[in-house]
N, C-alpha and C. Protein backbone atom coordinates (compact mmCIF):
# COMPACT_ATOMS: atom_id res chain seq x y z
N MET A 1 -7.34 11.70 -20.64
CA MET A 1 -7.60 12.30 -19.35
C MET A 1 -6.87 13.64 -19.28
N LYS A 2 -7.42 14.50 -18.48
CA LYS A 2 -6.86 15.84 -18.38
C LYS A 2 -6.74 16.23 -16.91
N VAL A 3 -5.61 16.82 -16.54
CA VAL A 3 -5.42 17.33 -15.18
C VAL A 3 -6.09 18.69 -15.10
N ARG A 4 -6.87 18.90 -14.02
CA ARG A 4 -7.53 20.20 -13.86
C ARG A 4 -7.32 20.70 -12.44
N GLU A 5 -7.53 22.00 -12.25
CA GLU A 5 -7.37 22.60 -10.93
C GLU A 5 -8.69 22.58 -10.18
N GLN A 6 -8.59 22.28 -8.88
CA GLN A 6 -9.75 22.36 -8.00
C GLN A 6 -9.25 22.92 -6.68
N GLY A 7 -9.50 24.21 -6.45
CA GLY A 7 -8.96 24.88 -5.26
C GLY A 7 -7.45 24.93 -5.35
N ASN A 8 -6.77 24.45 -4.30
CA ASN A 8 -5.30 24.44 -4.28
C ASN A 8 -4.73 23.10 -4.72
N SER A 9 -5.55 22.26 -5.33
CA SER A 9 -5.11 20.91 -5.74
C SER A 9 -5.27 20.73 -7.23
N LEU A 10 -4.57 19.72 -7.75
CA LEU A 10 -4.75 19.28 -9.13
C LEU A 10 -5.51 17.96 -9.08
N VAL A 11 -6.44 17.75 -10.00
CA VAL A 11 -7.31 16.59 -9.99
C VAL A 11 -7.23 15.86 -11.33
N VAL A 12 -7.15 14.53 -11.25
CA VAL A 12 -7.21 13.69 -12.44
C VAL A 12 -8.48 12.85 -12.32
N THR A 13 -9.36 12.94 -13.29
CA THR A 13 -10.59 12.16 -13.28
C THR A 13 -10.30 10.74 -13.73
N VAL A 14 -10.81 9.77 -12.96
CA VAL A 14 -10.59 8.35 -13.28
C VAL A 14 -11.86 7.82 -13.96
N PRO A 15 -11.74 7.29 -15.16
CA PRO A 15 -12.92 6.75 -15.85
C PRO A 15 -13.54 5.58 -15.08
N LYS A 16 -14.87 5.46 -15.10
CA LYS A 16 -15.58 4.38 -14.42
C LYS A 16 -15.15 3.01 -14.92
N LYS A 17 -14.76 2.93 -16.19
CA LYS A 17 -14.38 1.63 -16.76
C LYS A 17 -13.15 1.03 -16.07
N PHE A 18 -12.42 1.83 -15.28
CA PHE A 18 -11.28 1.31 -14.53
C PHE A 18 -11.74 0.47 -13.34
N GLY A 19 -13.00 0.62 -12.93
CA GLY A 19 -13.56 -0.19 -11.85
C GLY A 19 -13.07 0.18 -10.46
N ILE A 20 -12.60 1.38 -10.27
CA ILE A 20 -12.14 1.82 -8.95
C ILE A 20 -13.32 2.40 -8.19
N LYS A 21 -13.53 1.94 -6.96
CA LYS A 21 -14.66 2.39 -6.17
C LYS A 21 -14.42 3.79 -5.62
N SER A 22 -15.48 4.57 -5.53
CA SER A 22 -15.41 5.91 -4.96
C SER A 22 -14.97 5.80 -3.50
N GLY A 23 -14.08 6.66 -3.07
CA GLY A 23 -13.59 6.64 -1.70
C GLY A 23 -12.34 5.80 -1.50
N THR A 24 -11.88 5.13 -2.57
CA THR A 24 -10.66 4.33 -2.47
C THR A 24 -9.47 5.24 -2.19
N GLU A 25 -8.69 4.91 -1.15
CA GLU A 25 -7.50 5.70 -0.83
C GLU A 25 -6.32 5.18 -1.65
N VAL A 26 -5.54 6.11 -2.19
CA VAL A 26 -4.39 5.75 -3.01
C VAL A 26 -3.15 6.52 -2.56
N ILE A 27 -2.00 6.00 -2.95
CA ILE A 27 -0.73 6.67 -2.73
C ILE A 27 -0.21 7.08 -4.10
N ALA A 28 0.23 8.32 -4.23
CA ALA A 28 0.76 8.81 -5.51
C ALA A 28 2.28 8.67 -5.51
N VAL A 29 2.81 8.11 -6.61
CA VAL A 29 4.25 7.94 -6.77
C VAL A 29 4.66 8.64 -8.06
N LYS A 30 5.63 9.56 -7.95
CA LYS A 30 6.09 10.30 -9.13
C LYS A 30 7.34 9.64 -9.68
N GLY A 31 7.34 9.35 -10.98
CA GLY A 31 8.49 8.73 -11.64
C GLY A 31 9.51 9.77 -12.06
N LYS A 32 10.73 9.31 -12.34
CA LYS A 32 11.81 10.21 -12.76
C LYS A 32 11.51 10.90 -14.08
N ASP A 33 10.73 10.23 -14.92
CA ASP A 33 10.42 10.77 -16.25
C ASP A 33 9.20 11.69 -16.26
N GLY A 34 8.69 12.05 -15.05
CA GLY A 34 7.52 12.91 -14.97
C GLY A 34 6.21 12.16 -14.91
N SER A 35 6.28 10.84 -15.06
CA SER A 35 5.06 10.03 -14.97
C SER A 35 4.61 9.95 -13.51
N PHE A 36 3.38 9.56 -13.30
CA PHE A 36 2.91 9.34 -11.94
C PHE A 36 1.99 8.13 -11.92
N THR A 37 2.02 7.43 -10.80
CA THR A 37 1.26 6.21 -10.63
C THR A 37 0.48 6.29 -9.34
N TYR A 38 -0.78 5.87 -9.37
CA TYR A 38 -1.58 5.80 -8.16
C TYR A 38 -1.69 4.34 -7.75
N ILE A 39 -1.31 4.05 -6.50
CA ILE A 39 -1.34 2.69 -5.97
C ILE A 39 -2.35 2.63 -4.83
N PRO A 40 -3.28 1.66 -4.85
CA PRO A 40 -4.24 1.56 -3.75
C PRO A 40 -3.52 1.39 -2.42
N LYS A 41 -3.96 2.16 -1.42
CA LYS A 41 -3.35 2.12 -0.09
C LYS A 41 -3.78 0.83 0.61
N MET A 42 -2.81 0.12 1.18
CA MET A 42 -3.10 -1.13 1.88
C MET A 42 -3.34 -0.85 3.36
N LYS A 43 -4.11 -1.74 4.00
CA LYS A 43 -4.32 -1.63 5.44
C LYS A 43 -3.02 -1.98 6.16
N ASN A 44 -2.82 -1.38 7.33
CA ASN A 44 -1.67 -1.69 8.16
C ASN A 44 -1.91 -3.05 8.81
N PRO A 45 -1.08 -4.06 8.50
CA PRO A 45 -1.33 -5.41 9.05
C PRO A 45 -1.18 -5.46 10.56
N PHE A 46 -0.48 -4.50 11.16
CA PHE A 46 -0.28 -4.52 12.61
C PHE A 46 -1.46 -3.92 13.37
N THR A 47 -2.35 -3.22 12.67
CA THR A 47 -3.54 -2.68 13.32
C THR A 47 -4.82 -3.35 12.82
N ASP A 48 -4.69 -4.27 11.87
CA ASP A 48 -5.84 -4.99 11.30
C ASP A 48 -6.17 -6.20 12.17
N GLU A 49 -7.37 -6.24 12.73
CA GLU A 49 -7.79 -7.33 13.61
C GLU A 49 -7.89 -8.67 12.87
N ASN A 50 -8.00 -8.64 11.55
CA ASN A 50 -8.16 -9.87 10.78
C ASN A 50 -6.84 -10.55 10.42
N VAL A 51 -5.72 -9.90 10.73
CA VAL A 51 -4.41 -10.47 10.43
C VAL A 51 -3.84 -11.08 11.71
N HIS A 52 -3.41 -12.34 11.62
CA HIS A 52 -2.86 -13.05 12.78
C HIS A 52 -1.48 -13.57 12.42
N PHE A 53 -0.52 -13.32 13.30
CA PHE A 53 0.86 -13.73 13.05
C PHE A 53 1.26 -14.98 13.83
N GLU A 54 0.36 -15.52 14.66
CA GLU A 54 0.71 -16.66 15.51
C GLU A 54 1.18 -17.86 14.71
N HIS A 55 0.58 -18.12 13.56
CA HIS A 55 0.94 -19.30 12.78
C HIS A 55 2.41 -19.29 12.35
N ASN A 56 3.02 -18.12 12.24
CA ASN A 56 4.43 -18.05 11.84
C ASN A 56 5.36 -18.58 12.93
N SER A 57 4.97 -18.48 14.19
CA SER A 57 5.84 -18.93 15.27
C SER A 57 6.04 -20.44 15.24
N GLU A 58 5.12 -21.18 14.63
CA GLU A 58 5.25 -22.63 14.54
C GLU A 58 6.38 -23.04 13.59
N GLU A 59 6.75 -22.18 12.68
CA GLU A 59 7.77 -22.50 11.69
C GLU A 59 9.18 -22.42 12.26
N PHE A 60 9.33 -21.77 13.41
CA PHE A 60 10.65 -21.57 14.00
C PHE A 60 10.76 -22.34 15.31
N ASP A 61 11.93 -22.92 15.53
CA ASP A 61 12.17 -23.57 16.81
C ASP A 61 13.15 -22.71 17.60
N ASP A 62 13.66 -23.23 18.70
CA ASP A 62 14.54 -22.44 19.57
C ASP A 62 16.01 -22.60 19.23
N HIS A 63 16.34 -23.15 18.08
CA HIS A 63 17.74 -23.35 17.71
C HIS A 63 18.32 -22.07 17.11
N THR A 64 19.59 -21.86 17.37
CA THR A 64 20.27 -20.71 16.78
C THR A 64 20.68 -21.07 15.35
N THR A 65 20.92 -20.06 14.54
CA THR A 65 21.26 -20.30 13.14
C THR A 65 22.70 -19.96 12.81
N GLY A 66 23.40 -19.32 13.71
CA GLY A 66 24.77 -18.91 13.41
C GLY A 66 25.60 -18.85 14.67
N ARG A 67 26.23 -17.70 14.87
CA ARG A 67 27.12 -17.54 16.02
C ARG A 67 26.47 -16.71 17.12
N GLU A 68 25.17 -16.80 17.27
CA GLU A 68 24.49 -16.02 18.29
C GLU A 68 24.92 -16.46 19.67
N GLU A 69 25.02 -15.50 20.57
CA GLU A 69 25.28 -15.81 21.97
C GLU A 69 23.99 -15.65 22.73
N ILE A 70 23.62 -16.69 23.42
CA ILE A 70 22.35 -16.64 24.16
C ILE A 70 22.62 -16.65 25.64
């Protein structure tokens, strides 16, 4: 693969054999050794309607765990 210029940006072409869909959002992370890694961007669980946190409340009761003052 080769880095090329496109306007004011640098572009790395991703081969189709990697199976990444067009339009996939990624986060770029630069390593100390000059390497870079692209990580698929995850949805924010707090704004995603399909994520529900209610089930976690069943795991906790109203007991304190240490020296909390209530």
